[in-house]
Amino acid sequence: MSTQLDYFLNVDITDMTTGAVTGWVVAPDAGEVYEIAVVSSAATSATTLVTASIGSTAITGGVVTMAADAAPTRYACRPTAAKNVIEGDVIKVVTDGGTATAAIGRCTITIRRH
């Protein structure tokens, strides 16, 4: 559940079929990554992973596992550590290319202000 302290960042991964395709977004304010949610624009044909990091540091627990499923199905994770951002930090999401189906991944990152 979101609170008045939350803000939301959206970023697209333009090709879920190719490994290492990346999307980036800049945190406009400090806080912690509370949740990372992903929805695919098409059915996924196999398990696909979306991994998040802040700069070059992986977010602990920041991997969304998307099962082979129909679109649009929401998958999410709640990071456990290495999840604090400051204003201007770059948050990166990257796919492993696990699906063979052409699809765009829409990621919504919930940041909870401290």
N, C-alpha and C. Protein backbone atom coordinates (compact mmCIF):
# COMPACT_ATOMS: atom_id res chain seq x y z
N MET A 1 0.84 -1.17 0.00
CA MET A 1 0.00 0.00 0.00
C MET A 1 0.89 1.24 0.00
N SER A 2 0.55 2.18 -0.84
CA SER A 2 1.35 3.39 -0.91
C SER A 2 0.92 4.39 0.17
N THR A 3 1.84 5.28 0.49
CA THR A 3 1.57 6.32 1.47
C THR A 3 1.82 7.68 0.83
N GLN A 4 1.57 8.74 1.55
CA GLN A 4 1.85 10.08 1.04
C GLN A 4 3.34 10.32 0.89
N LEU A 5 4.15 9.45 1.47
CA LEU A 5 5.60 9.59 1.36
C LEU A 5 6.15 8.94 0.09
N ASP A 6 5.31 8.21 -0.64
CA ASP A 6 5.76 7.47 -1.82
C ASP A 6 5.73 8.33 -3.08
N TYR A 7 6.68 8.05 -3.97
CA TYR A 7 6.57 8.54 -5.34
C TYR A 7 6.93 7.40 -6.27
N PHE A 8 6.54 7.53 -7.53
CA PHE A 8 6.61 6.42 -8.47
C PHE A 8 7.39 6.83 -9.71
N LEU A 9 8.28 5.95 -10.13
CA LEU A 9 9.08 6.18 -11.33
C LEU A 9 8.76 5.07 -12.32
N ASN A 10 8.50 5.44 -13.57
CA ASN A 10 8.24 4.46 -14.61
C ASN A 10 9.39 4.45 -15.60
N VAL A 11 9.76 3.26 -16.02
CA VAL A 11 10.83 3.10 -17.01
C VAL A 11 10.49 1.87 -17.84
N ASP A 12 10.75 1.94 -19.14
CA ASP A 12 10.50 0.82 -20.04
C ASP A 12 11.78 0.10 -20.39
N ILE A 13 11.67 -1.22 -20.48
CA ILE A 13 12.70 -2.04 -21.10
C ILE A 13 12.13 -2.34 -22.48
N THR A 14 12.77 -1.81 -23.51
CA THR A 14 12.18 -1.82 -24.85
C THR A 14 12.16 -3.17 -25.52
N ASP A 15 12.95 -4.13 -25.07
CA ASP A 15 12.99 -5.44 -25.70
C ASP A 15 13.28 -6.50 -24.65
N MET A 16 12.24 -7.22 -24.24
CA MET A 16 12.39 -8.24 -23.20
C MET A 16 13.02 -9.53 -23.73
N THR A 17 13.22 -9.65 -25.06
CA THR A 17 13.75 -10.89 -25.64
C THR A 17 15.27 -10.91 -25.70
N THR A 18 15.89 -9.77 -25.50
CA THR A 18 17.34 -9.68 -25.64
C THR A 18 17.96 -9.44 -24.26
N GLY A 19 18.92 -10.27 -23.90
CA GLY A 19 19.60 -10.09 -22.62
C GLY A 19 20.34 -8.77 -22.58
N ALA A 20 20.42 -8.20 -21.41
CA ALA A 20 21.16 -6.97 -21.13
C ALA A 20 20.54 -5.72 -21.75
N VAL A 21 19.27 -5.77 -22.15
CA VAL A 21 18.60 -4.54 -22.56
C VAL A 21 18.21 -3.80 -21.29
N THR A 22 18.55 -2.53 -21.24
CA THR A 22 18.50 -1.76 -20.00
C THR A 22 17.60 -0.55 -20.13
N GLY A 23 16.95 -0.20 -19.02
CA GLY A 23 16.23 1.06 -18.91
C GLY A 23 16.77 1.80 -17.69
N TRP A 24 16.75 3.13 -17.75
CA TRP A 24 17.28 3.94 -16.66
C TRP A 24 16.28 5.01 -16.29
N VAL A 25 16.32 5.42 -15.03
CA VAL A 25 15.51 6.54 -14.56
C VAL A 25 16.28 7.20 -13.41
N VAL A 26 16.07 8.51 -13.25
CA VAL A 26 16.78 9.27 -12.22
C VAL A 26 15.84 9.53 -11.04
N ALA A 27 16.32 9.27 -9.84
CA ALA A 27 15.56 9.55 -8.63
C ALA A 27 15.55 11.05 -8.37
N PRO A 28 14.37 11.67 -8.31
CA PRO A 28 14.30 13.11 -8.10
C PRO A 28 14.42 13.53 -6.63
N ASP A 29 14.38 12.53 -5.73
CA ASP A 29 14.38 12.83 -4.30
C ASP A 29 14.95 11.62 -3.56
N ALA A 30 15.39 11.82 -2.35
CA ALA A 30 15.95 10.73 -1.55
C ALA A 30 14.85 9.82 -1.01
N GLY A 31 15.23 8.59 -0.71
CA GLY A 31 14.30 7.63 -0.13
C GLY A 31 14.85 6.23 -0.28
N GLU A 32 13.96 5.25 -0.19
CA GLU A 32 14.38 3.86 -0.38
C GLU A 32 13.47 3.21 -1.41
N VAL A 33 14.05 2.31 -2.19
CA VAL A 33 13.25 1.57 -3.16
C VAL A 33 12.38 0.61 -2.37
N TYR A 34 11.09 0.84 -2.39
CA TYR A 34 10.14 0.05 -1.61
C TYR A 34 9.65 -1.16 -2.41
N GLU A 35 9.39 -0.95 -3.70
CA GLU A 35 8.88 -2.05 -4.54
C GLU A 35 9.27 -1.81 -5.98
N ILE A 36 9.51 -2.90 -6.70
CA ILE A 36 9.75 -2.86 -8.14
C ILE A 36 8.71 -3.78 -8.76
N ALA A 37 7.88 -3.22 -9.63
CA ALA A 37 6.83 -4.00 -10.29
C ALA A 37 7.07 -3.96 -11.80
N VAL A 38 6.77 -5.07 -12.47
CA VAL A 38 6.96 -5.15 -13.92
C VAL A 38 5.72 -5.76 -14.55
N VAL A 39 5.30 -5.18 -15.67
CA VAL A 39 4.22 -5.73 -16.50
C VAL A 39 4.76 -5.82 -17.91
N SER A 40 4.52 -6.95 -18.56
CA SER A 40 4.97 -7.15 -19.94
C SER A 40 3.84 -6.80 -20.90
N SER A 41 4.19 -6.23 -22.05
CA SER A 41 3.18 -5.85 -23.04
C SER A 41 2.64 -7.03 -23.83
N ALA A 42 3.29 -8.19 -23.71
CA ALA A 42 2.84 -9.41 -24.39
C ALA A 42 3.10 -10.60 -23.49
N ALA A 43 2.49 -11.72 -23.83
CA ALA A 43 2.71 -12.94 -23.05
C ALA A 43 4.19 -13.29 -23.04
N THR A 44 4.67 -13.77 -21.91
CA THR A 44 6.06 -14.22 -21.83
C THR A 44 6.09 -15.72 -22.06
N SER A 45 7.06 -16.17 -22.86
CA SER A 45 7.13 -17.59 -23.24
C SER A 45 7.97 -18.42 -22.28
N ALA A 46 8.73 -17.78 -21.43
CA ALA A 46 9.60 -18.47 -20.48
C ALA A 46 9.87 -17.53 -19.31
N THR A 47 10.43 -18.08 -18.23
CA THR A 47 10.77 -17.26 -17.08
C THR A 47 11.75 -16.17 -17.50
N THR A 48 11.45 -14.95 -17.11
CA THR A 48 12.26 -13.79 -17.44
C THR A 48 12.58 -13.04 -16.16
N LEU A 49 13.84 -12.64 -16.00
CA LEU A 49 14.27 -11.91 -14.82
C LEU A 49 14.52 -10.45 -15.17
N VAL A 50 14.10 -9.57 -14.28
CA VAL A 50 14.42 -8.14 -14.37
C VAL A 50 15.16 -7.78 -13.10
N THR A 51 16.39 -7.27 -13.25
CA THR A 51 17.26 -6.98 -12.12
C THR A 51 17.47 -5.48 -12.01
N ALA A 52 17.40 -4.96 -10.79
CA ALA A 52 17.53 -3.52 -10.56
C ALA A 52 18.82 -3.21 -9.81
N SER A 53 19.36 -2.03 -10.10
CA SER A 53 20.54 -1.55 -9.38
C SER A 53 20.46 -0.04 -9.25
N ILE A 54 21.20 0.48 -8.29
CA ILE A 54 21.35 1.92 -8.11
C ILE A 54 22.78 2.22 -8.50
N GLY A 55 22.96 2.93 -9.60
CA GLY A 55 24.30 3.09 -10.16
C GLY A 55 24.81 1.71 -10.54
N SER A 56 25.97 1.35 -10.06
CA SER A 56 26.53 0.04 -10.36
C SER A 56 26.33 -0.96 -9.22
N THR A 57 25.57 -0.57 -8.18
CA THR A 57 25.36 -1.43 -7.03
C THR A 57 24.02 -2.15 -7.14
N ALA A 58 24.07 -3.48 -7.15
CA ALA A 58 22.83 -4.26 -7.22
C ALA A 58 21.98 -4.01 -5.98
N ILE A 59 20.67 -3.93 -6.18
CA ILE A 59 19.73 -3.80 -5.07
C ILE A 59 19.48 -5.21 -4.54
N THR A 60 19.76 -5.44 -3.26
CA THR A 60 19.55 -6.75 -2.66
C THR A 60 18.05 -7.07 -2.65
N GLY A 61 17.70 -8.21 -3.21
CA GLY A 61 16.29 -8.56 -3.33
C GLY A 61 15.59 -7.81 -4.44
N GLY A 62 16.35 -7.19 -5.32
CA GLY A 62 15.80 -6.37 -6.40
C GLY A 62 15.67 -7.10 -7.72
N VAL A 63 15.31 -8.37 -7.68
CA VAL A 63 15.11 -9.15 -8.90
C VAL A 63 13.65 -9.55 -8.99
N VAL A 64 13.01 -9.16 -10.09
CA VAL A 64 11.63 -9.55 -10.35
C VAL A 64 11.66 -10.77 -11.26
N THR A 65 11.02 -11.85 -10.83
CA THR A 65 10.94 -13.08 -11.62
C THR A 65 9.56 -13.15 -12.26
N MET A 66 9.55 -13.11 -13.58
CA MET A 66 8.29 -13.17 -14.34
C MET A 66 8.16 -14.58 -14.93
N ALA A 67 7.11 -15.29 -14.55
CA ALA A 67 6.87 -16.63 -15.09
C ALA A 67 6.31 -16.52 -16.50
N ALA A 68 6.39 -17.62 -17.25
CA ALA A 68 5.72 -17.66 -18.56
C ALA A 68 4.23 -17.48 -18.28
N ASP A 69 3.66 -16.41 -18.84
CA ASP A 69 2.29 -16.05 -18.48
C ASP A 69 1.70 -15.12 -19.52
N ALA A 70 0.39 -14.95 -19.45
CA ALA A 70 -0.30 -14.03 -20.34
C ALA A 70 -0.08 -12.59 -19.90
N ALA A 71 -0.19 -11.68 -20.84
CA ALA A 71 -0.08 -10.26 -20.52
C ALA A 71 -1.47 -9.70 -20.29
N PRO A 72 -1.68 -8.68 -19.54
CA PRO A 72 -0.69 -8.09 -18.63
C PRO A 72 -0.78 -8.73 -17.26
N THR A 73 0.28 -9.32 -16.83
CA THR A 73 0.37 -9.89 -15.49
C THR A 73 1.43 -9.12 -14.73
N ARG A 74 1.09 -8.71 -13.52
CA ARG A 74 2.00 -7.92 -12.69
C ARG A 74 2.86 -8.85 -11.85
N TYR A 75 4.15 -8.59 -11.87
CA TYR A 75 5.11 -9.28 -11.01
C TYR A 75 5.87 -8.21 -10.24
N ALA A 76 6.27 -8.52 -9.01
CA ALA A 76 6.93 -7.50 -8.20
C ALA A 76 7.87 -8.14 -7.19
N CYS A 77 8.75 -7.30 -6.66
CA CYS A 77 9.62 -7.70 -5.56
C CYS A 77 9.73 -6.53 -4.60
N ARG A 78 10.08 -6.83 -3.38
CA ARG A 78 10.34 -5.81 -2.35
C ARG A 78 11.78 -5.96 -1.90
N PRO A 79 12.65 -5.05 -2.31
CA PRO A 79 14.07 -5.14 -1.95
C PRO A 79 14.29 -5.15 -0.44
N THR A 80 15.41 -5.77 -0.05
CA THR A 80 15.70 -5.94 1.37
C THR A 80 16.90 -5.13 1.86
N ALA A 81 17.80 -4.74 0.96
CA ALA A 81 18.99 -3.98 1.36
C ALA A 81 19.59 -3.31 0.12
N ALA A 82 20.57 -2.44 0.35
CA ALA A 82 21.22 -1.67 -0.73
C ALA A 82 20.16 -1.00 -1.60
N LYS A 83 19.17 -0.38 -0.94
CA LYS A 83 18.01 0.15 -1.65
C LYS A 83 17.80 1.64 -1.46
N ASN A 84 18.72 2.33 -0.77
CA ASN A 84 18.57 3.76 -0.54
C ASN A 84 19.06 4.57 -1.72
N VAL A 85 18.28 5.58 -2.09
CA VAL A 85 18.67 6.50 -3.17
C VAL A 85 18.77 7.91 -2.61
N ILE A 86 19.60 8.71 -3.26
CA ILE A 86 19.64 10.15 -2.99
C ILE A 86 19.24 10.85 -4.27
N GLU A 87 18.90 12.10 -4.15
CA GLU A 87 18.51 12.88 -5.32
C GLU A 87 19.58 12.78 -6.40
N GLY A 88 19.17 12.43 -7.61
CA GLY A 88 20.08 12.34 -8.74
C GLY A 88 20.64 10.95 -9.01
N ASP A 89 20.41 10.01 -8.11
CA ASP A 89 20.88 8.64 -8.36
C ASP A 89 20.19 8.06 -9.59
N VAL A 90 20.94 7.27 -10.35
CA VAL A 90 20.40 6.58 -11.52
C VAL A 90 20.00 5.17 -11.10
N ILE A 91 18.74 4.83 -11.34
CA ILE A 91 18.25 3.48 -11.09
C ILE A 91 18.18 2.77 -12.43
N LYS A 92 18.77 1.57 -12.48
CA LYS A 92 18.83 0.81 -13.72
C LYS A 92 18.04 -0.48 -13.57
N VAL A 93 17.29 -0.84 -14.61
CA VAL A 93 16.63 -2.14 -14.67
C VAL A 93 17.09 -2.82 -15.95
N VAL A 94 17.35 -4.11 -15.85
CA VAL A 94 17.88 -4.85 -17.01
C VAL A 94 17.23 -6.23 -17.06
N THR A 95 16.93 -6.70 -18.26
CA THR A 95 16.34 -8.02 -18.44
C THR A 95 17.41 -9.04 -18.82
N ASP A 96 17.10 -10.30 -18.51
CA ASP A 96 18.00 -11.38 -18.93
C ASP A 96 17.63 -11.93 -20.31
N GLY A 97 16.54 -11.41 -20.91
CA GLY A 97 16.14 -11.87 -22.24
C GLY A 97 15.52 -13.26 -22.24
N GLY A 98 14.91 -13.65 -21.13
CA GLY A 98 14.41 -15.01 -20.97
C GLY A 98 13.25 -15.40 -21.86
N THR A 99 12.48 -14.42 -22.34
CA THR A 99 11.32 -14.74 -23.16
C THR A 99 11.66 -14.64 -24.64
N ALA A 100 11.00 -15.45 -25.44
CA ALA A 100 11.19 -15.40 -26.90
C ALA A 100 10.13 -14.53 -27.56
N THR A 101 9.17 -14.06 -26.77
CA THR A 101 8.08 -13.25 -27.29
C THR A 101 8.46 -11.78 -27.28
N ALA A 102 8.29 -11.10 -28.41
CA ALA A 102 8.58 -9.67 -28.47
C ALA A 102 7.67 -8.93 -27.51
N ALA A 103 8.26 -8.18 -26.59
CA ALA A 103 7.48 -7.48 -25.58
C ALA A 103 8.28 -6.33 -25.00
N ILE A 104 7.55 -5.34 -24.53
CA ILE A 104 8.12 -4.22 -23.77
C ILE A 104 7.80 -4.48 -22.30
N GLY A 105 8.76 -4.26 -21.43
CA GLY A 105 8.54 -4.39 -20.00
C GLY A 105 8.38 -3.02 -19.37
N ARG A 106 7.22 -2.74 -18.77
CA ARG A 106 7.01 -1.47 -18.07
C ARG A 106 7.30 -1.70 -16.60
N CYS A 107 8.29 -1.00 -16.09
CA CYS A 107 8.68 -1.13 -14.69
C CYS A 107 8.20 0.09 -13.92
N THR A 108 7.57 -0.13 -12.80
CA THR A 108 7.18 0.93 -11.89
C THR A 108 7.95 0.73 -10.59
N ILE A 109 8.74 1.72 -10.25
CA ILE A 109 9.59 1.67 -9.06
C ILE A 109 8.97 2.60 -8.02
N THR A 110 8.62 2.04 -6.87
CA THR A 110 8.04 2.84 -5.80
C THR A 110 9.17 3.23 -4.85
N ILE A 111 9.33 4.53 -4.65
CA ILE A 111 10.32 5.07 -3.73
C ILE A 111 9.57 5.63 -2.53
N ARG A 112 9.99 5.22 -1.35
CA ARG A 112 9.39 5.74 -0.12
C ARG A 112 10.38 6.71 0.51
N ARG A 113 9.92 7.98 0.65
CA ARG A 113 10.77 8.98 1.27
C ARG A 113 10.98 8.65 2.74
N HIS A 114 12.15 9.02 3.26
CA HIS A 114 12.47 8.77 4.68
C HIS A 114 11.81 9.82 5.54
